[in-house]
Amino acid sequence: MTKRLWLFVAALLPLTSAAHAQGQADLAKAAQNPVAAMISLPFQDNTLFGVGPNDDTANVLNIQPVIPFTLGN
């Protein structure tokens, strides 16, 4: 019985990796499309030195979420 199970799992492995590769290809293609219906949450961190009269260090974190939505029907 376990031999049959292992053969079944071994037969399905190439299918799952092919589906995973197809999913990655679709995701990469959608990431290149600026109007794709994808949620993104980019972070940008900037460290500034020599700020102010005391030459302090400033850290600025920009979070720019993009959430697509449709207007109307």
PDB file of N, CA and C in Angstrom:
ATOM      1  N   MET A   1       0.819  -1.195   0.000  1.00  0.00           N
ATOM      2  CA  MET A   1       0.000   0.000   0.000  1.00  0.00           C
ATOM      3  C   MET A   1       0.865   1.262   0.000  1.00  0.00           C
ATOM      4  N   THR A   2       1.916   1.304   0.817  1.00  0.00           N
ATOM      5  CA  THR A   2       2.769   2.479   0.850  1.00  0.00           C
ATOM      6  C   THR A   2       3.531   2.660  -0.458  1.00  0.00           C
ATOM      7  N   LYS A   3       3.835   1.556  -1.137  1.00  0.00           N
ATOM      8  CA  LYS A   3       4.524   1.669  -2.419  1.00  0.00           C
ATOM      9  C   LYS A   3       3.623   2.371  -3.436  1.00  0.00           C
ATOM     10  N   ARG A   4       2.339   2.060  -3.425  1.00  0.00           N
ATOM     11  CA  ARG A   4       1.394   2.717  -4.335  1.00  0.00           C
ATOM     12  C   ARG A   4       1.276   4.208  -4.001  1.00  0.00           C
ATOM     13  N   LEU A   5       1.257   4.508  -2.721  1.00  0.00           N
ATOM     14  CA  LEU A   5       1.163   5.899  -2.309  1.00  0.00           C
ATOM     15  C   LEU A   5       2.380   6.693  -2.782  1.00  0.00           C
ATOM     16  N   TRP A   6       3.578   6.120  -2.613  1.00  0.00           N
ATOM     17  CA  TRP A   6       4.787   6.802  -3.063  1.00  0.00           C
ATOM     18  C   TRP A   6       4.814   6.971  -4.568  1.00  0.00           C
ATOM     19  N   LEU A   7       4.341   5.990  -5.294  1.00  0.00           N
ATOM     20  CA  LEU A   7       4.278   6.120  -6.752  1.00  0.00           C
ATOM     21  C   LEU A   7       3.302   7.218  -7.158  1.00  0.00           C
ATOM     22  N   PHE A   8       2.183   7.307  -6.454  1.00  0.00           N
ATOM     23  CA  PHE A   8       1.202   8.354  -6.741  1.00  0.00           C
ATOM     24  C   PHE A   8       1.781   9.737  -6.467  1.00  0.00           C
ATOM     25  N   VAL A   9       2.451   9.880  -5.327  1.00  0.00           N
ATOM     26  CA  VAL A   9       3.070  11.159  -4.984  1.00  0.00           C
ATOM     27  C   VAL A   9       4.165  11.505  -5.988  1.00  0.00           C
ATOM     28  N   ALA A  10       4.969  10.532  -6.364  1.00  0.00           N
ATOM     29  CA  ALA A  10       6.040  10.770  -7.340  1.00  0.00           C
ATOM     30  C   ALA A  10       5.468  11.167  -8.698  1.00  0.00           C
ATOM     31  N   ALA A  11       4.308  10.630  -9.046  1.00  0.00           N
ATOM     32  CA  ALA A  11       3.680  10.986 -10.318  1.00  0.00           C
ATOM     33  C   ALA A  11       3.113  12.401 -10.282  1.00  0.00           C
ATOM     34  N   LEU A  12       2.686  12.887  -9.116  1.00  0.00           N
ATOM     35  CA  LEU A  12       2.096  14.220  -9.009  1.00  0.00           C
ATOM     36  C   LEU A  12       3.127  15.339  -8.872  1.00  0.00           C
ATOM     37  N   LEU A  13       4.329  15.040  -8.446  1.00  0.00           N
ATOM     38  CA  LEU A  13       5.330  16.079  -8.229  1.00  0.00           C
ATOM     39  C   LEU A  13       5.623  16.920  -9.465  1.00  0.00           C
ATOM     40  N   PRO A  14       5.817  16.337 -10.635  1.00  0.00           N
ATOM     41  CA  PRO A  14       6.057  17.195 -11.805  1.00  0.00           C
ATOM     42  C   PRO A  14       4.872  18.094 -12.120  1.00  0.00           C
ATOM     43  N   LEU A  15       3.669  17.652 -11.835  1.00  0.00           N
ATOM     44  CA  LEU A  15       2.493  18.470 -12.112  1.00  0.00           C
ATOM     45  C   LEU A  15       2.431  19.680 -11.187  1.00  0.00           C
ATOM     46  N   THR A  16       2.783  19.488  -9.925  1.00  0.00           N
ATOM     47  CA  THR A  16       2.737  20.604  -8.989  1.00  0.00           C
ATOM     48  C   THR A  16       3.827  21.618  -9.300  1.00  0.00           C
ATOM     49  N   SER A  17       5.011  21.160  -9.696  1.00  0.00           N
ATOM     50  CA  SER A  17       6.071  22.108 -10.031  1.00  0.00           C
ATOM     51  C   SER A  17       5.738  22.856 -11.313  1.00  0.00           C
ATOM     52  N   ALA A  18       5.071  22.206 -12.267  1.00  0.00           N
ATOM     53  CA  ALA A  18       4.664  22.891 -13.493  1.00  0.00           C
ATOM     54  C   ALA A  18       3.600  23.937 -13.187  1.00  0.00           C
ATOM     55  N   ALA A  19       2.658  23.609 -12.315  1.00  0.00           N
ATOM     56  CA  ALA A  19       1.623  24.569 -11.933  1.00  0.00           C
ATOM     57  C   ALA A  19       2.245  25.731 -11.159  1.00  0.00           C
ATOM     58  N   HIS A  20       3.219  25.431 -10.321  1.00  0.00           N
ATOM     59  CA  HIS A  20       3.900  26.484  -9.557  1.00  0.00           C
ATOM     60  C   HIS A  20       4.665  27.409 -10.508  1.00  0.00           C
ATOM     61  N   ALA A  21       5.340  26.838 -11.497  1.00  0.00           N
ATOM     62  CA  ALA A  21       6.074  27.649 -12.468  1.00  0.00           C
ATOM     63  C   ALA A  21       5.120  28.512 -13.279  1.00  0.00           C
ATOM     64  N   GLN A  22       3.964  27.951 -13.642  1.00  0.00           N
ATOM     65  CA  GLN A  22       2.970  28.726 -14.385  1.00  0.00           C
ATOM     66  C   GLN A  22       2.442  29.868 -13.522  1.00  0.00           C
ATOM     67  N   GLY A  23       2.212  29.607 -12.240  1.00  0.00           N
ATOM     68  CA  GLY A  23       1.758  30.652 -11.333  1.00  0.00           C
ATOM     69  C   GLY A  23       2.788  31.755 -11.182  1.00  0.00           C
ATOM     70  N   GLN A  24       4.064  31.379 -11.118  1.00  0.00           N
ATOM     71  CA  GLN A  24       5.122  32.381 -11.023  1.00  0.00           C
ATOM     72  C   GLN A  24       5.206  33.206 -12.294  1.00  0.00           C
ATOM     73  N   ALA A  25       5.025  32.557 -13.443  1.00  0.00           N
ATOM     74  CA  ALA A  25       5.067  33.285 -14.712  1.00  0.00           C
ATOM     75  C   ALA A  25       3.905  34.275 -14.796  1.00  0.00           C
ATOM     76  N   ASP A  26       2.716  33.851 -14.354  1.00  0.00           N
ATOM     77  CA  ASP A  26       1.560  34.750 -14.358  1.00  0.00           C
ATOM     78  C   ASP A  26       1.775  35.927 -13.414  1.00  0.00           C
ATOM     79  N   LEU A  27       2.354  35.658 -12.257  1.00  0.00           N
ATOM     80  CA  LEU A  27       2.616  36.718 -11.288  1.00  0.00           C
ATOM     81  C   LEU A  27       3.651  37.701 -11.831  1.00  0.00           C
ATOM     82  N   ALA A  28       4.692  37.198 -12.472  1.00  0.00           N
ATOM     83  CA  ALA A  28       5.709  38.075 -13.051  1.00  0.00           C
ATOM     84  C   ALA A  28       5.113  38.932 -14.161  1.00  0.00           C
ATOM     85  N   LYS A  29       4.244  38.341 -14.967  1.00  0.00           N
ATOM     86  CA  LYS A  29       3.606  39.096 -16.053  1.00  0.00           C
ATOM     87  C   LYS A  29       2.679  40.174 -15.484  1.00  0.00           C
ATOM     88  N   ALA A  30       1.928  39.850 -14.438  1.00  0.00           N
ATOM     89  CA  ALA A  30       1.025  40.827 -13.827  1.00  0.00           C
ATOM     90  C   ALA A  30       1.809  41.937 -13.127  1.00  0.00           C
ATOM     91  N   ALA A  31       2.970  41.617 -12.591  1.00  0.00           N
ATOM     92  CA  ALA A  31       3.774  42.633 -11.914  1.00  0.00           C
ATOM     93  C   ALA A  31       4.304  43.676 -12.896  1.00  0.00           C
ATOM     94  N   GLN A  32       4.473  43.299 -14.147  1.00  0.00           N
ATOM     95  CA  GLN A  32       4.947  44.235 -15.164  1.00  0.00           C
ATOM     96  C   GLN A  32       3.838  45.119 -15.710  1.00  0.00           C
ATOM     97  N   ASN A  33       2.584  44.755 -15.435  1.00  0.00           N
ATOM     98  CA  ASN A  33       1.435  45.508 -15.936  1.00  0.00           C
ATOM     99  C   ASN A  33       1.043  46.558 -14.894  1.00  0.00           C
ATOM    100  N   PRO A  34       1.142  47.847 -15.221  1.00  0.00           N
ATOM    101  CA  PRO A  34       0.842  48.869 -14.213  1.00  0.00           C
ATOM    102  C   PRO A  34      -0.637  48.951 -13.833  1.00  0.00           C
ATOM    103  N   VAL A  35      -1.525  48.392 -14.621  1.00  0.00           N
ATOM    104  CA  VAL A  35      -2.948  48.434 -14.295  1.00  0.00           C
ATOM    105  C   VAL A  35      -3.475  47.064 -13.888  1.00  0.00           C
ATOM    106  N   ALA A  36      -2.612  46.154 -13.507  1.00  0.00           N
ATOM    107  CA  ALA A  36      -3.034  44.830 -13.076  1.00  0.00           C
ATOM    108  C   ALA A  36      -3.748  44.926 -11.734  1.00  0.00           C
ATOM    109  N   ALA A  37      -4.664  44.023 -11.494  1.00  0.00           N
ATOM    110  CA  ALA A  37      -5.418  43.997 -10.242  1.00  0.00           C
ATOM    111  C   ALA A  37      -4.595  43.281  -9.169  1.00  0.00           C
ATOM    112  N   MET A  38      -3.522  43.939  -8.735  1.00  0.00           N
ATOM    113  CA  MET A  38      -2.645  43.368  -7.715  1.00  0.00           C
ATOM    114  C   MET A  38      -2.496  44.346  -6.565  1.00  0.00           C
ATOM    115  N   ILE A  39      -2.480  43.817  -5.358  1.00  0.00           N
ATOM    116  CA  ILE A  39      -2.202  44.635  -4.180  1.00  0.00           C
ATOM    117  C   ILE A  39      -0.692  44.627  -3.972  1.00  0.00           C
ATOM    118  N   SER A  40      -0.108  45.804  -3.817  1.00  0.00           N
ATOM    119  CA  SER A  40       1.316  45.877  -3.521  1.00  0.00           C
ATOM    120  C   SER A  40       1.526  46.805  -2.334  1.00  0.00           C
ATOM    121  N   LEU A  41       2.575  46.539  -1.597  1.00  0.00           N
ATOM    122  CA  LEU A  41       2.885  47.317  -0.402  1.00  0.00           C
ATOM    123  C   LEU A  41       4.385  47.626  -0.388  1.00  0.00           C
ATOM    124  N   PRO A  42       4.814  48.585  -1.222  1.00  0.00           N
ATOM    125  CA  PRO A  42       6.245  48.890  -1.272  1.00  0.00           C
ATOM    126  C   PRO A  42       6.687  49.751  -0.093  1.00  0.00           C
ATOM    127  N   PHE A  43       7.900  49.482   0.376  1.00  0.00           N
ATOM    128  CA  PHE A  43       8.527  50.251   1.445  1.00  0.00           C
ATOM    129  C   PHE A  43       9.762  50.944   0.877  1.00  0.00           C
ATOM    130  N   GLN A  44      10.002  52.168   1.302  1.00  0.00           N
ATOM    131  CA  GLN A  44      11.224  52.887   0.948  1.00  0.00           C
ATOM    132  C   GLN A  44      11.763  53.503   2.230  1.00  0.00           C
ATOM    133  N   ASP A  45      12.991  53.159   2.578  1.00  0.00           N
ATOM    134  CA  ASP A  45      13.609  53.656   3.802  1.00  0.00           C
ATOM    135  C   ASP A  45      14.806  54.518   3.431  1.00  0.00           C
ATOM    136  N   ASN A  46      14.811  55.758   3.898  1.00  0.00           N
ATOM    137  CA  ASN A  46      15.900  56.693   3.626  1.00  0.00           C
ATOM    138  C   ASN A  46      16.513  57.138   4.944  1.00  0.00           C
ATOM    139  N   THR A  47      17.828  57.081   5.027  1.00  0.00           N
ATOM    140  CA  THR A  47      18.555  57.574   6.188  1.00  0.00           C
ATOM    141  C   THR A  47      19.331  58.811   5.753  1.00  0.00           C
ATOM    142  N   LEU A  48      19.109  59.899   6.462  1.00  0.00           N
ATOM    143  CA  LEU A  48      19.741  61.176   6.147  1.00  0.00           C
ATOM    144  C   LEU A  48      20.694  61.547   7.274  1.00  0.00           C
ATOM    145  N   PHE A  49      21.921  61.899   6.930  1.00  0.00           N
ATOM    146  CA  PHE A  49      22.936  62.256   7.918  1.00  0.00           C
ATOM    147  C   PHE A  49      23.180  63.757   7.875  1.00  0.00           C
ATOM    148  N   GLY A  50      23.563  64.323   8.995  1.00  0.00           N
ATOM    149  CA  GLY A  50      23.886  65.741   9.065  1.00  0.00           C
ATOM    150  C   GLY A  50      22.665  66.629   8.986  1.00  0.00           C
ATOM    151  N   VAL A  51      21.573  66.216   9.626  1.00  0.00           N
ATOM    152  CA  VAL A  51      20.330  66.975   9.576  1.00  0.00           C
ATOM    153  C   VAL A  51      20.266  67.926  10.763  1.00  0.00           C
ATOM    154  N   GLY A  52      19.906  69.156  10.488  1.00  0.00           N
ATOM    155  CA  GLY A  52      19.709  70.122  11.556  1.00  0.00           C
ATOM    156  C   GLY A  52      21.005  70.725  12.066  1.00  0.00           C
ATOM    157  N   PRO A  53      20.871  71.599  13.065  1.00  0.00           N
ATOM    158  CA  PRO A  53      22.055  72.304  13.579  1.00  0.00           C
ATOM    159  C   PRO A  53      22.992  71.397  14.372  1.00  0.00           C
ATOM    160  N   ASN A  54      22.501  70.251  14.852  1.00  0.00           N
ATOM    161  CA  ASN A  54      23.335  69.346  15.652  1.00  0.00           C
ATOM    162  C   ASN A  54      23.875  68.177  14.835  1.00  0.00           C
ATOM    163  N   ASP A  55      23.747  68.229  13.516  1.00  0.00           N
ATOM    164  CA  ASP A  55      24.179  67.133  12.627  1.00  0.00           C
ATOM    165  C   ASP A  55      23.590  65.797  13.058  1.00  0.00           C
ATOM    166  N   ASP A  56      22.280  65.785  13.285  1.00  0.00           N
ATOM    167  CA  ASP A  56      21.577  64.569  13.679  1.00  0.00           C
ATOM    168  C   ASP A  56      21.377  63.645  12.484  1.00  0.00           C
ATOM    169  N   THR A  57      20.869  62.455  12.778  1.00  0.00           N
ATOM    170  CA  THR A  57      20.524  61.483  11.752  1.00  0.00           C
ATOM    171  C   THR A  57      19.008  61.360  11.704  1.00  0.00           C
ATOM    172  N   ALA A  58      18.444  61.439  10.496  1.00  0.00           N
ATOM    173  CA  ALA A  58      16.996  61.298  10.317  1.00  0.00           C
ATOM    174  C   ALA A  58      16.715  60.028   9.520  1.00  0.00           C
ATOM    175  N   ASN A  59      15.675  59.343   9.908  1.00  0.00           N
ATOM    176  CA  ASN A  59      15.258  58.138   9.206  1.00  0.00           C
ATOM    177  C   ASN A  59      13.825  58.348   8.728  1.00  0.00           C
ATOM    178  N   VAL A  60      13.590  58.198   7.422  1.00  0.00           N
ATOM    179  CA  VAL A  60      12.270  58.415   6.829  1.00  0.00           C
ATOM    180  C   VAL A  60      11.826  57.112   6.182  1.00  0.00           C
ATOM    181  N   LEU A  61      10.683  56.606   6.622  1.00  0.00           N
ATOM    182  CA  LEU A  61      10.123  55.380   6.057  1.00  0.00           C
ATOM    183  C   LEU A  61       8.850  55.738   5.303  1.00  0.00           C
ATOM    184  N   ASN A  62       8.845  55.495   3.996  1.00  0.00           N
ATOM    185  CA  ASN A  62       7.666  55.734   3.169  1.00  0.00           C
ATOM    186  C   ASN A  62       6.989  54.398   2.894  1.00  0.00           C
ATOM    187  N   ILE A  63       5.705  54.322   3.189  1.00  0.00           N
ATOM    188  CA  ILE A  63       4.889  53.146   2.886  1.00  0.00           C
ATOM    189  C   ILE A  63       3.810  53.608   1.923  1.00  0.00           C
ATOM    190  N   GLN A  64       3.784  53.022   0.729  1.00  0.00           N
ATOM    191  CA  GLN A  64       2.861  53.466  -0.305  1.00  0.00           C
ATOM    192  C   GLN A  64       2.004  52.286  -0.776  1.00  0.00           C
ATOM    193  N   PRO A  65       0.931  51.964  -0.044  1.00  0.00           N
ATOM    194  CA  PRO A  65       0.101  50.826  -0.451  1.00  0.00           C
ATOM    195  C   PRO A  65      -0.682  51.133  -1.724  1.00  0.00           C
ATOM    196  N   VAL A  66      -0.809  50.114  -2.561  1.00  0.00           N
ATOM    197  CA  VAL A  66      -1.601  50.212  -3.783  1.00  0.00           C
ATOM    198  C   VAL A  66      -2.667  49.123  -3.707  1.00  0.00           C
ATOM    199  N   ILE A  67      -3.929  49.552  -3.628  1.00  0.00           N
ATOM    200  CA  ILE A  67      -5.060  48.615  -3.540  1.00  0.00           C
ATOM    201  C   ILE A  67      -6.000  48.913  -4.699  1.00  0.00           C
ATOM    202  N   PRO A  68      -6.077  48.022  -5.673  1.00  0.00           N
ATOM    203  CA  PRO A  68      -6.937  48.285  -6.829  1.00  0.00           C
ATOM    204  C   PRO A  68      -8.415  48.140  -6.464  1.00  0.00           C
ATOM    205  N   PHE A  69      -9.250  48.965  -7.101  1.00  0.00           N
ATOM    206  CA  PHE A  69     -10.685  48.851  -6.928  1.00  0.00           C
ATOM    207  C   PHE A  69     -11.340  49.318  -8.219  1.00  0.00           C
ATOM    208  N   THR A  70     -12.598  48.950  -8.402  1.00  0.00           N
ATOM    209  CA  THR A  70     -13.313  49.335  -9.607  1.00  0.00           C
ATOM    210  C   THR A  70     -14.349  50.387  -9.262  1.00  0.00           C
ATOM    211  N   LEU A  71     -14.558  51.285 -10.187  1.00  0.00           N
ATOM    212  CA  LEU A  71     -15.581  52.297 -10.045  1.00  0.00           C
ATOM    213  C   LEU A  71     -16.775  51.891 -10.905  1.00  0.00           C
ATOM    214  N   GLY A  72     -17.940  51.865 -10.327  1.00  0.00           N
ATOM    215  CA  GLY A  72     -19.129  51.475 -11.079  1.00  0.00           C
ATOM    216  C   GLY A  72     -19.187  49.971 -11.282  1.00  0.00           C
ATOM    217  N   ASN A  73     -19.897  49.578 -12.340  1.00  0.00           N
ATOM    218  CA  ASN A  73     -20.043  48.136 -12.617  1.00  0.00           C
ATOM    219  C   ASN A  73     -19.244  47.740 -13.762  1.00  0.00           C
TER     220      ASN A  73
END
